Amino acid sequence: LEVVKGARLVRMTEQEFQVQRERMRATCQQCHAESFVRSQLGRGDQMIREADRLMAEAIEIVAGLYRDG
């Protein structure tokens, strides 16, 4: 986790996330309609939620394997 934080690959607070998201939204809206930008950001959010769900499931499976020896 420290390596990931050090490389700034993740936003560790909601405020950091919102600052980056606003920058992205402003950049995208220079060429795209606001509704399109919102839609695409929402799709990205959904993809991240699904990836988080799959990662949590994988962690549970691996933990179970360790428990079973």
N, C-alpha and C. Protein backbone atom coordinates (compact mmCIF):
# COMPACT_ATOMS: atom_id res chain seq x y z
N LEU A 1 0.82 -1.20 0.00
CA LEU A 1 0.00 0.00 0.00
C LEU A 1 0.86 1.26 0.00
N GLU A 2 1.96 1.21 0.75
CA GLU A 2 2.83 2.39 0.80
C GLU A 2 3.43 2.70 -0.57
N VAL A 3 3.77 1.67 -1.33
CA VAL A 3 4.32 1.87 -2.68
C VAL A 3 3.27 2.52 -3.57
N VAL A 4 2.05 2.02 -3.49
CA VAL A 4 0.95 2.57 -4.31
C VAL A 4 0.68 4.02 -3.92
N LYS A 5 0.65 4.29 -2.60
CA LYS A 5 0.44 5.67 -2.15
C LYS A 5 1.58 6.57 -2.60
N GLY A 6 2.80 6.06 -2.48
CA GLY A 6 3.97 6.85 -2.87
C GLY A 6 3.99 7.19 -4.35
N ALA A 7 3.51 6.28 -5.17
CA ALA A 7 3.45 6.51 -6.62
C ALA A 7 2.23 7.32 -7.02
N ARG A 8 1.37 7.64 -6.04
CA ARG A 8 0.15 8.41 -6.26
C ARG A 8 -0.75 7.74 -7.31
N LEU A 9 -0.85 6.41 -7.21
CA LEU A 9 -1.70 5.65 -8.12
C LEU A 9 -3.15 5.61 -7.65
N VAL A 10 -3.38 5.96 -6.40
CA VAL A 10 -4.73 5.97 -5.85
C VAL A 10 -4.96 7.29 -5.13
N ARG A 11 -6.22 7.66 -5.04
CA ARG A 11 -6.60 8.84 -4.27
C ARG A 11 -7.01 8.34 -2.90
N MET A 12 -6.34 8.79 -1.86
CA MET A 12 -6.55 8.25 -0.53
C MET A 12 -7.69 8.91 0.24
N THR A 13 -8.13 10.08 -0.24
CA THR A 13 -9.25 10.74 0.43
C THR A 13 -10.30 11.09 -0.62
N GLU A 14 -11.52 11.30 -0.15
CA GLU A 14 -12.58 11.70 -1.06
C GLU A 14 -12.26 13.05 -1.69
N GLN A 15 -11.64 13.93 -0.91
CA GLN A 15 -11.29 15.25 -1.44
C GLN A 15 -10.29 15.14 -2.59
N GLU A 16 -9.25 14.31 -2.44
CA GLU A 16 -8.29 14.10 -3.53
C GLU A 16 -8.99 13.56 -4.77
N PHE A 17 -9.90 12.61 -4.57
CA PHE A 17 -10.64 12.02 -5.68
C PHE A 17 -11.47 13.09 -6.38
N GLN A 18 -12.19 13.91 -5.61
CA GLN A 18 -13.06 14.92 -6.20
C GLN A 18 -12.28 15.97 -6.98
N VAL A 19 -11.10 16.34 -6.48
CA VAL A 19 -10.27 17.32 -7.20
C VAL A 19 -9.88 16.77 -8.56
N GLN A 20 -9.42 15.53 -8.60
CA GLN A 20 -9.02 14.92 -9.87
C GLN A 20 -10.22 14.73 -10.79
N ARG A 21 -11.35 14.33 -10.24
CA ARG A 21 -12.56 14.13 -11.04
C ARG A 21 -13.01 15.45 -11.66
N GLU A 22 -12.96 16.52 -10.91
CA GLU A 22 -13.36 17.83 -11.43
C GLU A 22 -12.42 18.28 -12.55
N ARG A 23 -11.12 18.02 -12.38
CA ARG A 23 -10.17 18.35 -13.45
C ARG A 23 -10.50 17.57 -14.72
N MET A 24 -10.80 16.28 -14.56
CA MET A 24 -11.13 15.45 -15.71
C MET A 24 -12.42 15.93 -16.37
N ARG A 25 -13.44 16.23 -15.54
CA ARG A 25 -14.71 16.70 -16.07
C ARG A 25 -14.52 17.99 -16.87
N ALA A 26 -13.77 18.94 -16.31
CA ALA A 26 -13.54 20.21 -16.98
C ALA A 26 -12.79 20.02 -18.30
N THR A 27 -11.82 19.13 -18.30
CA THR A 27 -11.06 18.86 -19.53
C THR A 27 -11.96 18.24 -20.59
N CYS A 28 -12.75 17.25 -20.20
CA CYS A 28 -13.62 16.56 -21.16
C CYS A 28 -14.68 17.49 -21.73
N GLN A 29 -15.18 18.41 -20.89
CA GLN A 29 -16.24 19.31 -21.34
C GLN A 29 -15.75 20.37 -22.32
N GLN A 30 -14.47 20.45 -22.52
CA GLN A 30 -13.96 21.37 -23.54
C GLN A 30 -14.37 20.89 -24.93
N CYS A 31 -14.57 19.57 -25.09
CA CYS A 31 -14.93 19.00 -26.39
C CYS A 31 -16.28 18.30 -26.39
N HIS A 32 -16.74 17.86 -25.23
CA HIS A 32 -17.94 17.02 -25.15
C HIS A 32 -19.03 17.69 -24.33
N ALA A 33 -20.27 17.32 -24.63
CA ALA A 33 -21.41 17.83 -23.89
C ALA A 33 -21.37 17.33 -22.45
N GLU A 34 -21.92 18.16 -21.53
CA GLU A 34 -21.92 17.79 -20.12
C GLU A 34 -22.62 16.46 -19.87
N SER A 35 -23.73 16.22 -20.56
CA SER A 35 -24.46 14.96 -20.36
C SER A 35 -23.61 13.77 -20.78
N PHE A 36 -22.85 13.90 -21.85
CA PHE A 36 -21.97 12.81 -22.29
C PHE A 36 -20.87 12.57 -21.26
N VAL A 37 -20.28 13.64 -20.77
CA VAL A 37 -19.20 13.52 -19.78
C VAL A 37 -19.73 12.84 -18.52
N ARG A 38 -20.87 13.28 -18.03
CA ARG A 38 -21.47 12.66 -16.84
C ARG A 38 -21.72 11.18 -17.07
N SER A 39 -22.25 10.86 -18.25
CA SER A 39 -22.55 9.47 -18.58
C SER A 39 -21.28 8.61 -18.59
N GLN A 40 -20.25 9.12 -19.20
CA GLN A 40 -19.00 8.36 -19.30
C GLN A 40 -18.32 8.22 -17.94
N LEU A 41 -18.35 9.26 -17.13
CA LEU A 41 -17.79 9.16 -15.78
C LEU A 41 -18.59 8.14 -14.96
N GLY A 42 -19.89 8.13 -15.13
CA GLY A 42 -20.72 7.15 -14.44
C GLY A 42 -20.39 5.73 -14.87
N ARG A 43 -20.14 5.54 -16.16
CA ARG A 43 -19.75 4.21 -16.63
C ARG A 43 -18.42 3.79 -16.03
N GLY A 44 -17.50 4.72 -15.93
CA GLY A 44 -16.21 4.43 -15.30
C GLY A 44 -16.38 4.07 -13.83
N ASP A 45 -17.25 4.81 -13.15
CA ASP A 45 -17.53 4.51 -11.73
C ASP A 45 -18.08 3.10 -11.58
N GLN A 46 -18.99 2.72 -12.47
CA GLN A 46 -19.58 1.38 -12.40
C GLN A 46 -18.51 0.31 -12.63
N MET A 47 -17.61 0.57 -13.56
CA MET A 47 -16.53 -0.38 -13.83
C MET A 47 -15.63 -0.54 -12.61
N ILE A 48 -15.34 0.55 -11.93
CA ILE A 48 -14.51 0.49 -10.73
C ILE A 48 -15.22 -0.28 -9.62
N ARG A 49 -16.53 -0.04 -9.45
CA ARG A 49 -17.28 -0.78 -8.43
C ARG A 49 -17.25 -2.28 -8.72
N GLU A 50 -17.42 -2.65 -9.98
CA GLU A 50 -17.39 -4.07 -10.35
C GLU A 50 -16.01 -4.67 -10.12
N ALA A 51 -14.96 -3.91 -10.47
CA ALA A 51 -13.59 -4.40 -10.24
C ALA A 51 -13.34 -4.57 -8.75
N ASP A 52 -13.81 -3.62 -7.93
CA ASP A 52 -13.66 -3.74 -6.48
C ASP A 52 -14.38 -4.98 -5.96
N ARG A 53 -15.58 -5.24 -6.47
CA ARG A 53 -16.35 -6.40 -6.05
C ARG A 53 -15.62 -7.69 -6.40
N LEU A 54 -15.09 -7.75 -7.61
CA LEU A 54 -14.35 -8.94 -8.04
C LEU A 54 -13.07 -9.13 -7.22
N MET A 55 -12.39 -8.04 -6.91
CA MET A 55 -11.17 -8.14 -6.11
C MET A 55 -11.51 -8.64 -4.71
N ALA A 56 -12.58 -8.13 -4.12
CA ALA A 56 -12.98 -8.59 -2.79
C ALA A 56 -13.33 -10.08 -2.82
N GLU A 57 -14.00 -10.50 -3.87
CA GLU A 57 -14.34 -11.92 -4.01
C GLU A 57 -13.07 -12.76 -4.12
N ALA A 58 -12.11 -12.30 -4.90
CA ALA A 58 -10.85 -13.03 -5.06
C ALA A 58 -10.10 -13.12 -3.73
N ILE A 59 -10.10 -12.03 -2.97
CA ILE A 59 -9.42 -12.03 -1.67
C ILE A 59 -10.07 -13.06 -0.74
N GLU A 60 -11.39 -13.11 -0.75
CA GLU A 60 -12.10 -14.09 0.08
C GLU A 60 -11.76 -15.52 -0.34
N ILE A 61 -11.67 -15.76 -1.63
CA ILE A 61 -11.34 -17.10 -2.12
C ILE A 61 -9.92 -17.50 -1.68
N VAL A 62 -8.98 -16.59 -1.86
CA VAL A 62 -7.59 -16.88 -1.47
C VAL A 62 -7.49 -17.08 0.04
N ALA A 63 -8.19 -16.24 0.81
CA ALA A 63 -8.19 -16.41 2.27
C ALA A 63 -8.74 -17.78 2.65
N GLY A 64 -9.78 -18.21 1.97
CA GLY A 64 -10.34 -19.54 2.22
C GLY A 64 -9.36 -20.65 1.91
N LEU A 65 -8.62 -20.48 0.82
CA LEU A 65 -7.61 -21.48 0.46
C LEU A 65 -6.52 -21.56 1.51
N TYR A 66 -6.09 -20.40 2.03
CA TYR A 66 -5.10 -20.41 3.10
C TYR A 66 -5.65 -21.10 4.35
N ARG A 67 -6.90 -20.81 4.69
CA ARG A 67 -7.50 -21.45 5.87
C ARG A 67 -7.55 -22.97 5.69
N ASP A 68 -7.80 -23.41 4.46
CA ASP A 68 -7.90 -24.86 4.19
C ASP A 68 -6.53 -25.52 4.05
N GLY A 69 -5.49 -24.69 4.02
CA GLY A 69 -4.15 -25.24 3.95
C GLY A 69 -3.74 -25.55 2.54
